N, C-alpha and C. Protein backbone atom coordinates (compact mmCIF):
# COMPACT_ATOMS: atom_id res chain seq x y z
N UNK A 1 28.56 6.00 -26.33
CA UNK A 1 27.58 6.10 -25.27
C UNK A 1 28.28 6.63 -24.01
N UNK A 2 27.62 7.52 -23.31
CA UNK A 2 28.17 8.14 -22.12
C UNK A 2 27.99 7.22 -20.91
N UNK A 3 29.03 7.13 -20.09
CA UNK A 3 28.99 6.32 -18.88
C UNK A 3 28.60 7.21 -17.70
N UNK A 4 27.42 6.96 -17.11
CA UNK A 4 26.90 7.78 -16.02
C UNK A 4 27.12 7.18 -14.64
N UNK A 5 27.87 6.08 -14.56
CA UNK A 5 28.08 5.44 -13.27
C UNK A 5 28.93 6.32 -12.36
N UNK A 6 28.71 6.16 -11.07
CA UNK A 6 29.48 6.89 -10.07
C UNK A 6 30.72 6.07 -9.73
N UNK A 7 31.88 6.68 -9.87
CA UNK A 7 33.13 5.99 -9.55
C UNK A 7 33.36 6.01 -8.04
N UNK A 8 34.08 4.99 -7.51
CA UNK A 8 34.37 4.99 -6.07
C UNK A 8 35.11 6.27 -5.65
N UNK A 9 34.62 6.89 -4.58
CA UNK A 9 35.23 8.11 -4.08
C UNK A 9 34.71 9.38 -4.74
N UNK A 10 33.88 9.23 -5.77
CA UNK A 10 33.38 10.39 -6.51
C UNK A 10 32.25 11.11 -5.75
N UNK A 11 31.44 10.36 -5.01
CA UNK A 11 30.33 10.93 -4.24
C UNK A 11 30.42 10.44 -2.81
N UNK A 12 29.98 11.27 -1.87
CA UNK A 12 30.04 10.90 -0.47
C UNK A 12 28.68 11.09 0.19
N UNK A 13 28.44 10.28 1.20
CA UNK A 13 27.21 10.42 1.99
C UNK A 13 27.35 11.62 2.92
N UNK A 14 26.21 12.14 3.36
CA UNK A 14 26.24 13.27 4.29
C UNK A 14 26.55 12.79 5.71
N UNK A 15 26.72 13.72 6.62
CA UNK A 15 27.11 13.39 7.99
C UNK A 15 26.00 12.69 8.75
N UNK A 16 24.75 12.97 8.42
CA UNK A 16 23.63 12.31 9.10
C UNK A 16 23.66 10.81 8.79
N UNK A 17 23.83 10.47 7.51
CA UNK A 17 23.91 9.07 7.12
C UNK A 17 25.10 8.39 7.78
N UNK A 18 26.23 9.06 7.79
CA UNK A 18 27.44 8.50 8.41
C UNK A 18 27.22 8.25 9.90
N UNK A 19 26.55 9.18 10.57
CA UNK A 19 26.30 9.03 12.01
C UNK A 19 25.35 7.87 12.28
N UNK A 20 24.30 7.74 11.47
CA UNK A 20 23.35 6.64 11.63
C UNK A 20 24.05 5.30 11.40
N UNK A 21 24.87 5.23 10.35
CA UNK A 21 25.56 3.98 10.04
C UNK A 21 26.59 3.63 11.11
N UNK A 22 27.20 4.62 11.72
CA UNK A 22 28.18 4.35 12.77
C UNK A 22 27.49 3.69 13.97
N UNK A 23 26.29 4.14 14.29
CA UNK A 23 25.55 3.57 15.42
C UNK A 23 24.98 2.20 15.05
N UNK A 24 24.33 2.11 13.90
CA UNK A 24 23.67 0.85 13.53
C UNK A 24 24.67 -0.25 13.18
N UNK A 25 25.89 0.11 12.82
CA UNK A 25 26.90 -0.91 12.52
C UNK A 25 27.28 -1.68 13.78
N UNK A 26 26.97 -1.15 14.95
CA UNK A 26 27.26 -1.83 16.20
C UNK A 26 26.26 -2.95 16.49
N UNK A 27 25.14 -2.95 15.77
CA UNK A 27 24.10 -3.97 15.98
C UNK A 27 24.55 -5.26 15.29
N UNK A 28 24.58 -6.37 16.01
CA UNK A 28 24.98 -7.64 15.38
C UNK A 28 23.97 -8.08 14.31
N UNK A 29 24.46 -8.73 13.29
CA UNK A 29 23.59 -9.20 12.22
C UNK A 29 22.56 -10.20 12.72
N UNK A 30 22.88 -10.91 13.79
CA UNK A 30 21.95 -11.90 14.33
C UNK A 30 20.67 -11.25 14.86
N UNK A 31 20.73 -9.97 15.21
CA UNK A 31 19.53 -9.27 15.68
C UNK A 31 18.50 -9.18 14.55
N UNK A 32 18.97 -8.84 13.34
CA UNK A 32 18.05 -8.74 12.21
C UNK A 32 17.50 -10.11 11.82
N UNK A 33 18.36 -11.12 11.84
CA UNK A 33 17.90 -12.48 11.53
C UNK A 33 16.91 -12.95 12.58
N UNK A 34 17.19 -12.67 13.85
CA UNK A 34 16.27 -13.04 14.92
C UNK A 34 14.93 -12.34 14.79
N UNK A 35 14.95 -11.07 14.40
CA UNK A 35 13.70 -10.33 14.22
C UNK A 35 12.89 -10.93 13.07
N UNK A 36 13.56 -11.35 12.00
CA UNK A 36 12.86 -11.97 10.87
C UNK A 36 12.24 -13.30 11.29
N UNK A 37 13.00 -14.10 12.02
CA UNK A 37 12.48 -15.39 12.47
C UNK A 37 11.32 -15.18 13.45
N UNK A 38 11.45 -14.20 14.34
CA UNK A 38 10.36 -13.90 15.27
C UNK A 38 9.10 -13.46 14.52
N UNK A 39 9.28 -12.73 13.43
CA UNK A 39 8.13 -12.30 12.62
C UNK A 39 7.45 -13.51 11.97
N UNK A 40 8.25 -14.45 11.51
CA UNK A 40 7.68 -15.67 10.91
C UNK A 40 6.88 -16.43 11.96
N UNK A 41 7.47 -16.60 13.14
CA UNK A 41 6.79 -17.33 14.21
C UNK A 41 5.52 -16.60 14.64
N UNK A 42 5.62 -15.28 14.77
CA UNK A 42 4.44 -14.50 15.13
C UNK A 42 3.33 -14.61 14.11
N UNK A 43 3.72 -14.59 12.84
CA UNK A 43 2.73 -14.72 11.77
C UNK A 43 2.04 -16.08 11.81
N UNK A 44 2.82 -17.13 12.04
CA UNK A 44 2.25 -18.48 12.14
C UNK A 44 1.30 -18.57 13.34
N UNK A 45 1.68 -17.97 14.45
CA UNK A 45 0.82 -17.98 15.64
C UNK A 45 -0.49 -17.25 15.38
N UNK A 46 -0.42 -16.09 14.73
CA UNK A 46 -1.65 -15.36 14.40
C UNK A 46 -2.52 -16.17 13.44
N UNK A 47 -1.90 -16.83 12.48
CA UNK A 47 -2.65 -17.64 11.52
C UNK A 47 -3.34 -18.79 12.25
N UNK A 48 -2.62 -19.43 13.19
CA UNK A 48 -3.21 -20.53 13.96
C UNK A 48 -4.37 -20.05 14.84
N UNK A 49 -4.28 -18.78 15.28
CA UNK A 49 -5.35 -18.21 16.11
C UNK A 49 -6.49 -17.65 15.24
N UNK A 50 -6.42 -17.92 13.95
CA UNK A 50 -7.44 -17.48 13.00
C UNK A 50 -7.55 -15.95 12.89
N UNK A 51 -6.41 -15.26 13.09
CA UNK A 51 -6.34 -13.81 12.93
C UNK A 51 -5.55 -13.53 11.65
N UNK A 52 -6.22 -13.64 10.53
CA UNK A 52 -5.56 -13.62 9.23
C UNK A 52 -4.94 -12.26 8.89
N UNK A 53 -5.62 -11.18 9.20
CA UNK A 53 -5.08 -9.86 8.89
C UNK A 53 -3.80 -9.57 9.69
N UNK A 54 -3.82 -9.94 10.95
CA UNK A 54 -2.62 -9.75 11.78
C UNK A 54 -1.48 -10.63 11.30
N UNK A 55 -1.81 -11.86 10.85
CA UNK A 55 -0.79 -12.77 10.34
C UNK A 55 -0.12 -12.18 9.10
N UNK A 56 -0.90 -11.61 8.21
CA UNK A 56 -0.33 -10.99 7.01
C UNK A 56 0.51 -9.77 7.38
N UNK A 57 0.01 -8.96 8.30
CA UNK A 57 0.72 -7.75 8.71
C UNK A 57 2.10 -8.08 9.29
N UNK A 58 2.13 -9.01 10.23
CA UNK A 58 3.39 -9.38 10.87
C UNK A 58 4.29 -10.14 9.90
N UNK A 59 3.70 -10.96 9.06
CA UNK A 59 4.47 -11.73 8.09
C UNK A 59 5.19 -10.86 7.07
N UNK A 60 4.66 -9.68 6.81
CA UNK A 60 5.31 -8.77 5.86
C UNK A 60 6.52 -8.06 6.45
N UNK A 61 6.78 -8.22 7.72
CA UNK A 61 7.96 -7.62 8.34
C UNK A 61 9.22 -8.41 8.03
N UNK A 62 9.10 -9.66 7.62
CA UNK A 62 10.26 -10.52 7.42
C UNK A 62 11.23 -9.92 6.40
N UNK A 63 10.73 -9.56 5.23
CA UNK A 63 11.60 -9.04 4.16
C UNK A 63 12.33 -7.75 4.57
N UNK A 64 11.65 -6.76 5.17
CA UNK A 64 12.39 -5.57 5.59
C UNK A 64 13.48 -5.86 6.62
N UNK A 65 13.21 -6.77 7.57
CA UNK A 65 14.25 -7.12 8.54
C UNK A 65 15.46 -7.73 7.85
N UNK A 66 15.23 -8.62 6.89
CA UNK A 66 16.34 -9.25 6.17
C UNK A 66 17.10 -8.24 5.31
N UNK A 67 16.38 -7.32 4.69
CA UNK A 67 17.03 -6.29 3.87
C UNK A 67 17.86 -5.37 4.76
N UNK A 68 17.32 -4.98 5.90
CA UNK A 68 18.10 -4.15 6.83
C UNK A 68 19.35 -4.89 7.31
N UNK A 69 19.23 -6.20 7.53
CA UNK A 69 20.38 -6.99 7.91
C UNK A 69 21.44 -7.02 6.83
N UNK A 70 21.02 -7.14 5.57
CA UNK A 70 21.97 -7.11 4.46
C UNK A 70 22.66 -5.76 4.35
N UNK A 71 21.89 -4.69 4.48
CA UNK A 71 22.47 -3.36 4.42
C UNK A 71 23.47 -3.15 5.55
N UNK A 72 23.10 -3.60 6.74
CA UNK A 72 23.98 -3.49 7.91
C UNK A 72 25.29 -4.24 7.65
N UNK A 73 25.19 -5.43 7.09
CA UNK A 73 26.38 -6.24 6.81
C UNK A 73 27.26 -5.56 5.75
N UNK A 74 26.64 -4.98 4.74
CA UNK A 74 27.41 -4.29 3.69
C UNK A 74 28.15 -3.08 4.26
N UNK A 75 27.49 -2.33 5.13
CA UNK A 75 28.13 -1.16 5.74
C UNK A 75 29.32 -1.61 6.58
N UNK A 76 29.16 -2.72 7.31
CA UNK A 76 30.27 -3.22 8.12
C UNK A 76 31.44 -3.66 7.27
N UNK A 77 31.17 -4.29 6.14
CA UNK A 77 32.24 -4.83 5.30
C UNK A 77 32.88 -3.79 4.40
N UNK A 78 32.08 -2.90 3.84
CA UNK A 78 32.59 -1.99 2.82
C UNK A 78 32.51 -0.52 3.22
N UNK A 79 31.75 -0.19 4.22
CA UNK A 79 31.53 1.21 4.56
C UNK A 79 30.56 1.84 3.58
N UNK A 80 30.01 2.98 3.94
CA UNK A 80 29.06 3.62 3.04
C UNK A 80 29.77 4.42 1.96
N UNK A 81 30.96 4.89 2.24
CA UNK A 81 31.71 5.67 1.26
C UNK A 81 33.02 4.97 0.95
N UNK A 82 33.07 4.34 -0.19
CA UNK A 82 34.35 3.73 -0.62
C UNK A 82 35.21 4.82 -1.23
N UNK A 83 36.48 4.82 -0.87
CA UNK A 83 37.39 5.80 -1.46
C UNK A 83 38.19 5.13 -2.56
N UNK A 84 38.87 5.94 -3.34
CA UNK A 84 39.63 5.44 -4.47
C UNK A 84 40.73 4.49 -4.00
N UNK A 85 41.30 4.70 -2.82
CA UNK A 85 42.40 3.89 -2.33
C UNK A 85 41.98 2.53 -1.81
N UNK A 86 40.67 2.34 -1.56
CA UNK A 86 40.21 1.07 -1.01
C UNK A 86 40.03 0.06 -2.13
N UNK A 87 40.27 -1.19 -1.81
CA UNK A 87 40.08 -2.26 -2.77
C UNK A 87 38.60 -2.47 -3.02
N UNK A 88 38.22 -2.50 -4.26
CA UNK A 88 36.83 -2.75 -4.63
C UNK A 88 36.71 -4.17 -5.15
N UNK A 89 35.84 -4.94 -4.54
CA UNK A 89 35.63 -6.33 -4.96
C UNK A 89 34.44 -6.38 -5.88
N UNK A 90 34.52 -7.26 -6.86
CA UNK A 90 33.38 -7.48 -7.73
C UNK A 90 32.91 -8.92 -7.58
N UNK A 91 31.60 -9.07 -7.62
CA UNK A 91 31.03 -10.40 -7.43
C UNK A 91 30.32 -10.82 -8.67
């Protein structure tokens, strides 16, 4: 069977992605967590005010904020382009 996985250092991101990650890596992870918590609180407030559609809309922001926070953390720890010389950790 053929192995189609990409080896570390085999593919690289473009300059646009690298530039975006360089800027967004400066954002603390607590910002994304705070945004998720604020979305939960906002959703609860809308639900208490009997605005169900708004509560669902704002409540759906929680997962994207947390995913962006995870991506941000991964970029900070590993970078977007791992090279062959860098240590690769497996979990």
